[in-house]
C-alpha atoms as a PDB file:
ATOM      1  CA  UNK A   1      19.531 -19.188  11.326  1.00  0.00           C
ATOM      2  CA  UNK A   2      16.983 -20.829   8.925  1.00  0.00           C
ATOM      3  CA  UNK A   3      15.169 -24.054   9.822  1.00  0.00           C
ATOM      4  CA  UNK A   4      17.465 -26.744   9.146  1.00  0.00           C
ATOM      5  CA  UNK A   5      15.120 -29.399   7.702  1.00  0.00           C
ATOM      6  CA  UNK A   6      14.440 -30.687   4.015  1.00  0.00           C
ATOM      7  CA  UNK A   7      11.952 -28.830   2.041  1.00  0.00           C
ATOM      8  CA  UNK A   8       8.592 -30.442   1.513  1.00  0.00           C
ATOM      9  CA  UNK A   9       6.115 -29.814  -1.333  1.00  0.00           C
ATOM     10  CA  UNK A  10       3.422 -27.455  -0.223  1.00  0.00           C
ATOM     11  CA  UNK A  11       0.529 -29.767  -0.747  1.00  0.00           C
ATOM     12  CA  UNK A  12      -2.553 -30.902   1.350  1.00  0.00           C
ATOM     13  CA  UNK A  13      -1.146 -34.420   1.634  1.00  0.00           C
ATOM     14  CA  UNK A  14       2.087 -33.158   2.936  1.00  0.00           C
ATOM     15  CA  UNK A  15       0.566 -30.356   5.406  1.00  0.00           C
ATOM     16  CA  UNK A  16      -1.755 -32.952   6.799  1.00  0.00           C
ATOM     17  CA  UNK A  17       1.160 -34.805   8.160  1.00  0.00           C
ATOM     18  CA  UNK A  18       2.398 -31.790  10.190  1.00  0.00           C
ATOM     19  CA  UNK A  19       1.719 -32.197  14.011  1.00  0.00           C
ATOM     20  CA  UNK A  20      -1.154 -30.165  15.628  1.00  0.00           C
ATOM     21  CA  UNK A  21       1.283 -28.028  17.778  1.00  0.00           C
ATOM     22  CA  UNK A  22       2.756 -24.640  17.719  1.00  0.00           C
ATOM     23  CA  UNK A  23       5.815 -23.721  15.631  1.00  0.00           C
ATOM     24  CA  UNK A  24       7.514 -21.664  13.055  1.00  0.00           C
ATOM     25  CA  UNK A  25       7.634 -22.319   9.397  1.00  0.00           C
ATOM     26  CA  UNK A  26       9.195 -21.007   6.063  1.00  0.00           C
ATOM     27  CA  UNK A  27       7.516 -21.168   2.737  1.00  0.00           C
ATOM     28  CA  UNK A  28       9.708 -21.207  -0.541  1.00  0.00           C
ATOM     29  CA  UNK A  29       9.452 -20.813  -4.294  1.00  0.00           C
ATOM     30  CA  UNK A  30      10.493 -23.240  -7.001  1.00  0.00           C
ATOM     31  CA  UNK A  31      13.969 -22.436  -6.418  1.00  0.00           C
ATOM     32  CA  UNK A  32      13.690 -23.044  -2.644  1.00  0.00           C
ATOM     33  CA  UNK A  33      14.381 -19.404  -1.814  1.00  0.00           C
ATOM     34  CA  UNK A  34      12.328 -18.337   1.271  1.00  0.00           C
ATOM     35  CA  UNK A  35       9.475 -16.062   0.534  1.00  0.00           C
ATOM     36  CA  UNK A  36       7.754 -16.108   3.817  1.00  0.00           C
ATOM     37  CA  UNK A  37       8.501 -16.909   7.414  1.00  0.00           C
ATOM     38  CA  UNK A  38       5.459 -17.616   9.670  1.00  0.00           C
ATOM     39  CA  UNK A  39       4.554 -18.884  13.191  1.00  0.00           C
ATOM     40  CA  UNK A  40       1.640 -20.835  14.565  1.00  0.00           C
ATOM     41  CA  UNK A  41       0.390 -20.674  18.189  1.00  0.00           C
ATOM     42  CA  UNK A  42      -0.209 -23.875  20.169  1.00  0.00           C
ATOM     43  CA  UNK A  43      -2.215 -26.549  18.138  1.00  0.00           C
ATOM     44  CA  UNK A  44      -2.388 -24.458  14.934  1.00  0.00           C
ATOM     45  CA  UNK A  45       0.807 -25.479  12.872  1.00  0.00           C
ATOM     46  CA  UNK A  46      -1.100 -27.948  10.667  1.00  0.00           C
ATOM     47  CA  UNK A  47      -3.930 -25.733  10.314  1.00  0.00           C
ATOM     48  CA  UNK A  48      -1.976 -22.652   9.152  1.00  0.00           C
ATOM     49  CA  UNK A  49       0.265 -24.554   6.758  1.00  0.00           C
ATOM     50  CA  UNK A  50      -2.850 -26.132   5.212  1.00  0.00           C
ATOM     51  CA  UNK A  51      -4.247 -22.719   4.814  1.00  0.00           C
ATOM     52  CA  UNK A  52      -1.408 -21.646   2.674  1.00  0.00           C
ATOM     53  CA  UNK A  53      -2.071 -24.292   0.248  1.00  0.00           C
ATOM     54  CA  UNK A  54      -5.021 -22.280  -0.866  1.00  0.00           C
ATOM     55  CA  UNK A  55      -3.814 -18.734   0.303  1.00  0.00           C
ATOM     56  CA  UNK A  56      -6.141 -15.991  -1.049  1.00  0.00           C
ATOM     57  CA  UNK A  57      -4.958 -13.184   1.130  1.00  0.00           C
ATOM     58  CA  UNK A  58      -1.382 -12.953   0.227  1.00  0.00           C
ATOM     59  CA  UNK A  59      -0.653 -12.738  -3.603  1.00  0.00           C
ATOM     60  CA  UNK A  60       2.918 -13.587  -3.230  1.00  0.00           C
ATOM     61  CA  UNK A  61       2.161 -16.778  -1.423  1.00  0.00           C
ATOM     62  CA  UNK A  62      -0.643 -17.584  -3.886  1.00  0.00           C
ATOM     63  CA  UNK A  63       1.554 -17.138  -6.959  1.00  0.00           C
ATOM     64  CA  UNK A  64       5.077 -18.433  -5.531  1.00  0.00           C
ATOM     65  CA  UNK A  65       4.785 -20.768  -2.552  1.00  0.00           C
ATOM     66  CA  UNK A  66       5.580 -24.417  -3.575  1.00  0.00           C
ATOM     67  CA  UNK A  67       7.708 -25.671  -0.650  1.00  0.00           C
ATOM     68  CA  UNK A  68       7.791 -25.585   3.104  1.00  0.00           C
ATOM     69  CA  UNK A  69       9.552 -26.653   6.268  1.00  0.00           C
ATOM     70  CA  UNK A  70       8.826 -26.210   9.717  1.00  0.00           C
ATOM     71  CA  UNK A  71       9.994 -26.633  13.416  1.00  0.00           C
ATOM     72  CA  UNK A  72       7.339 -27.700  16.178  1.00  0.00           C
ATOM     73  CA  UNK A  73       8.204 -25.680  19.227  1.00  0.00           C
ATOM     74  CA  UNK A  74       6.523 -24.137  22.342  1.00  0.00           C
ATOM     75  CA  UNK A  75       8.610 -20.998  21.720  1.00  0.00           C
ATOM     76  CA  UNK A  76       7.112 -20.045  18.443  1.00  0.00           C
ATOM     77  CA  UNK A  77       7.268 -16.051  19.251  1.00  0.00           C
ATOM     78  CA  UNK A  78      10.918 -15.900  19.902  1.00  0.00           C
ATOM     79  CA  UNK A  79      11.811 -18.453  17.359  1.00  0.00           C
ATOM     80  CA  UNK A  80       9.831 -16.529  14.615  1.00  0.00           C
ATOM     81  CA  UNK A  81      11.579 -13.249  15.682  1.00  0.00           C
ATOM     82  CA  UNK A  82      15.088 -14.829  15.368  1.00  0.00           C
ATOM     83  CA  UNK A  83      14.170 -16.507  11.985  1.00  0.00           C
ATOM     84  CA  UNK A  84      13.131 -12.922  10.745  1.00  0.00           C
ATOM     85  CA  UNK A  85      16.231 -11.264  12.094  1.00  0.00           C
ATOM     86  CA  UNK A  86      18.639 -13.891  10.534  1.00  0.00           C
ATOM     87  CA  UNK A  87      16.864 -13.489   7.142  1.00  0.00           C
ATOM     88  CA  UNK A  88      17.078  -9.674   7.436  1.00  0.00           C
ATOM     89  CA  UNK A  89      20.844  -9.974   8.537  1.00  0.00           C
ATOM     90  CA  UNK A  90      21.343 -12.245   5.310  1.00  0.00           C
ATOM     91  CA  UNK A  91      19.471 -10.137   2.883  1.00  0.00           C
ATOM     92  CA  UNK A  92      20.419  -6.599   3.526  1.00  0.00           C
ATOM     93  CA  UNK A  93      17.764  -5.891   6.265  1.00  0.00           C
ATOM     94  CA  UNK A  94      14.920  -6.909   4.108  1.00  0.00           C
ATOM     95  CA  UNK A  95      11.899  -9.274   4.936  1.00  0.00           C
ATOM     96  CA  UNK A  96      11.031 -12.214   2.856  1.00  0.00           C
ATOM     97  CA  UNK A  97       8.796 -11.003  -0.102  1.00  0.00           C
ATOM     98  CA  UNK A  98       5.451 -12.402   1.232  1.00  0.00           C
ATOM     99  CA  UNK A  99       6.108 -11.018   4.659  1.00  0.00           C
ATOM    100  CA  UNK A 100       6.378  -7.695   3.051  1.00  0.00           C
ATOM    101  CA  UNK A 101       3.296  -8.159   1.003  1.00  0.00           C
ATOM    102  CA  UNK A 102       1.352  -9.080   4.148  1.00  0.00           C
ATOM    103  CA  UNK A 103       2.377  -5.857   5.625  1.00  0.00           C
ATOM    104  CA  UNK A 104       1.306  -3.960   2.811  1.00  0.00           C
ATOM    105  CA  UNK A 105       4.829  -3.036   1.762  1.00  0.00           C
ATOM    106  CA  UNK A 106       5.893  -3.357  -1.797  1.00  0.00           C
ATOM    107  CA  UNK A 107       8.835  -5.855  -2.107  1.00  0.00           C
ATOM    108  CA  UNK A 108      12.239  -4.562  -3.298  1.00  0.00           C
ATOM    109  CA  UNK A 109      13.172  -6.133  -6.618  1.00  0.00           C
ATOM    110  CA  UNK A 110      15.972  -8.730  -6.076  1.00  0.00           C
ATOM    111  CA  UNK A 111      18.647  -8.602  -8.486  1.00  0.00           C
END
């Protein structure tokens, strides 16, 4: 099940409002399609999301990430796995495009 919160613009101003806790998050493109699912350990949620505003390592995030939503939680690991499994189930066993790029896999062409 995806995070049930409104999308926020992926800007420094918005990510600076995120609590300094652990949690899970989703990044989305201009059409608010999920392109990345991530997790942050305790105290790192704001830092990780802020880092994505200038992501230089993942070309998909750099080119496409425009929105984010998050859930602060102490169970980031298990919630992260659940989000990935839910996404895969809904998308023919495929990971989000930027998760694939992060793992060095070529993302499939979406029709």
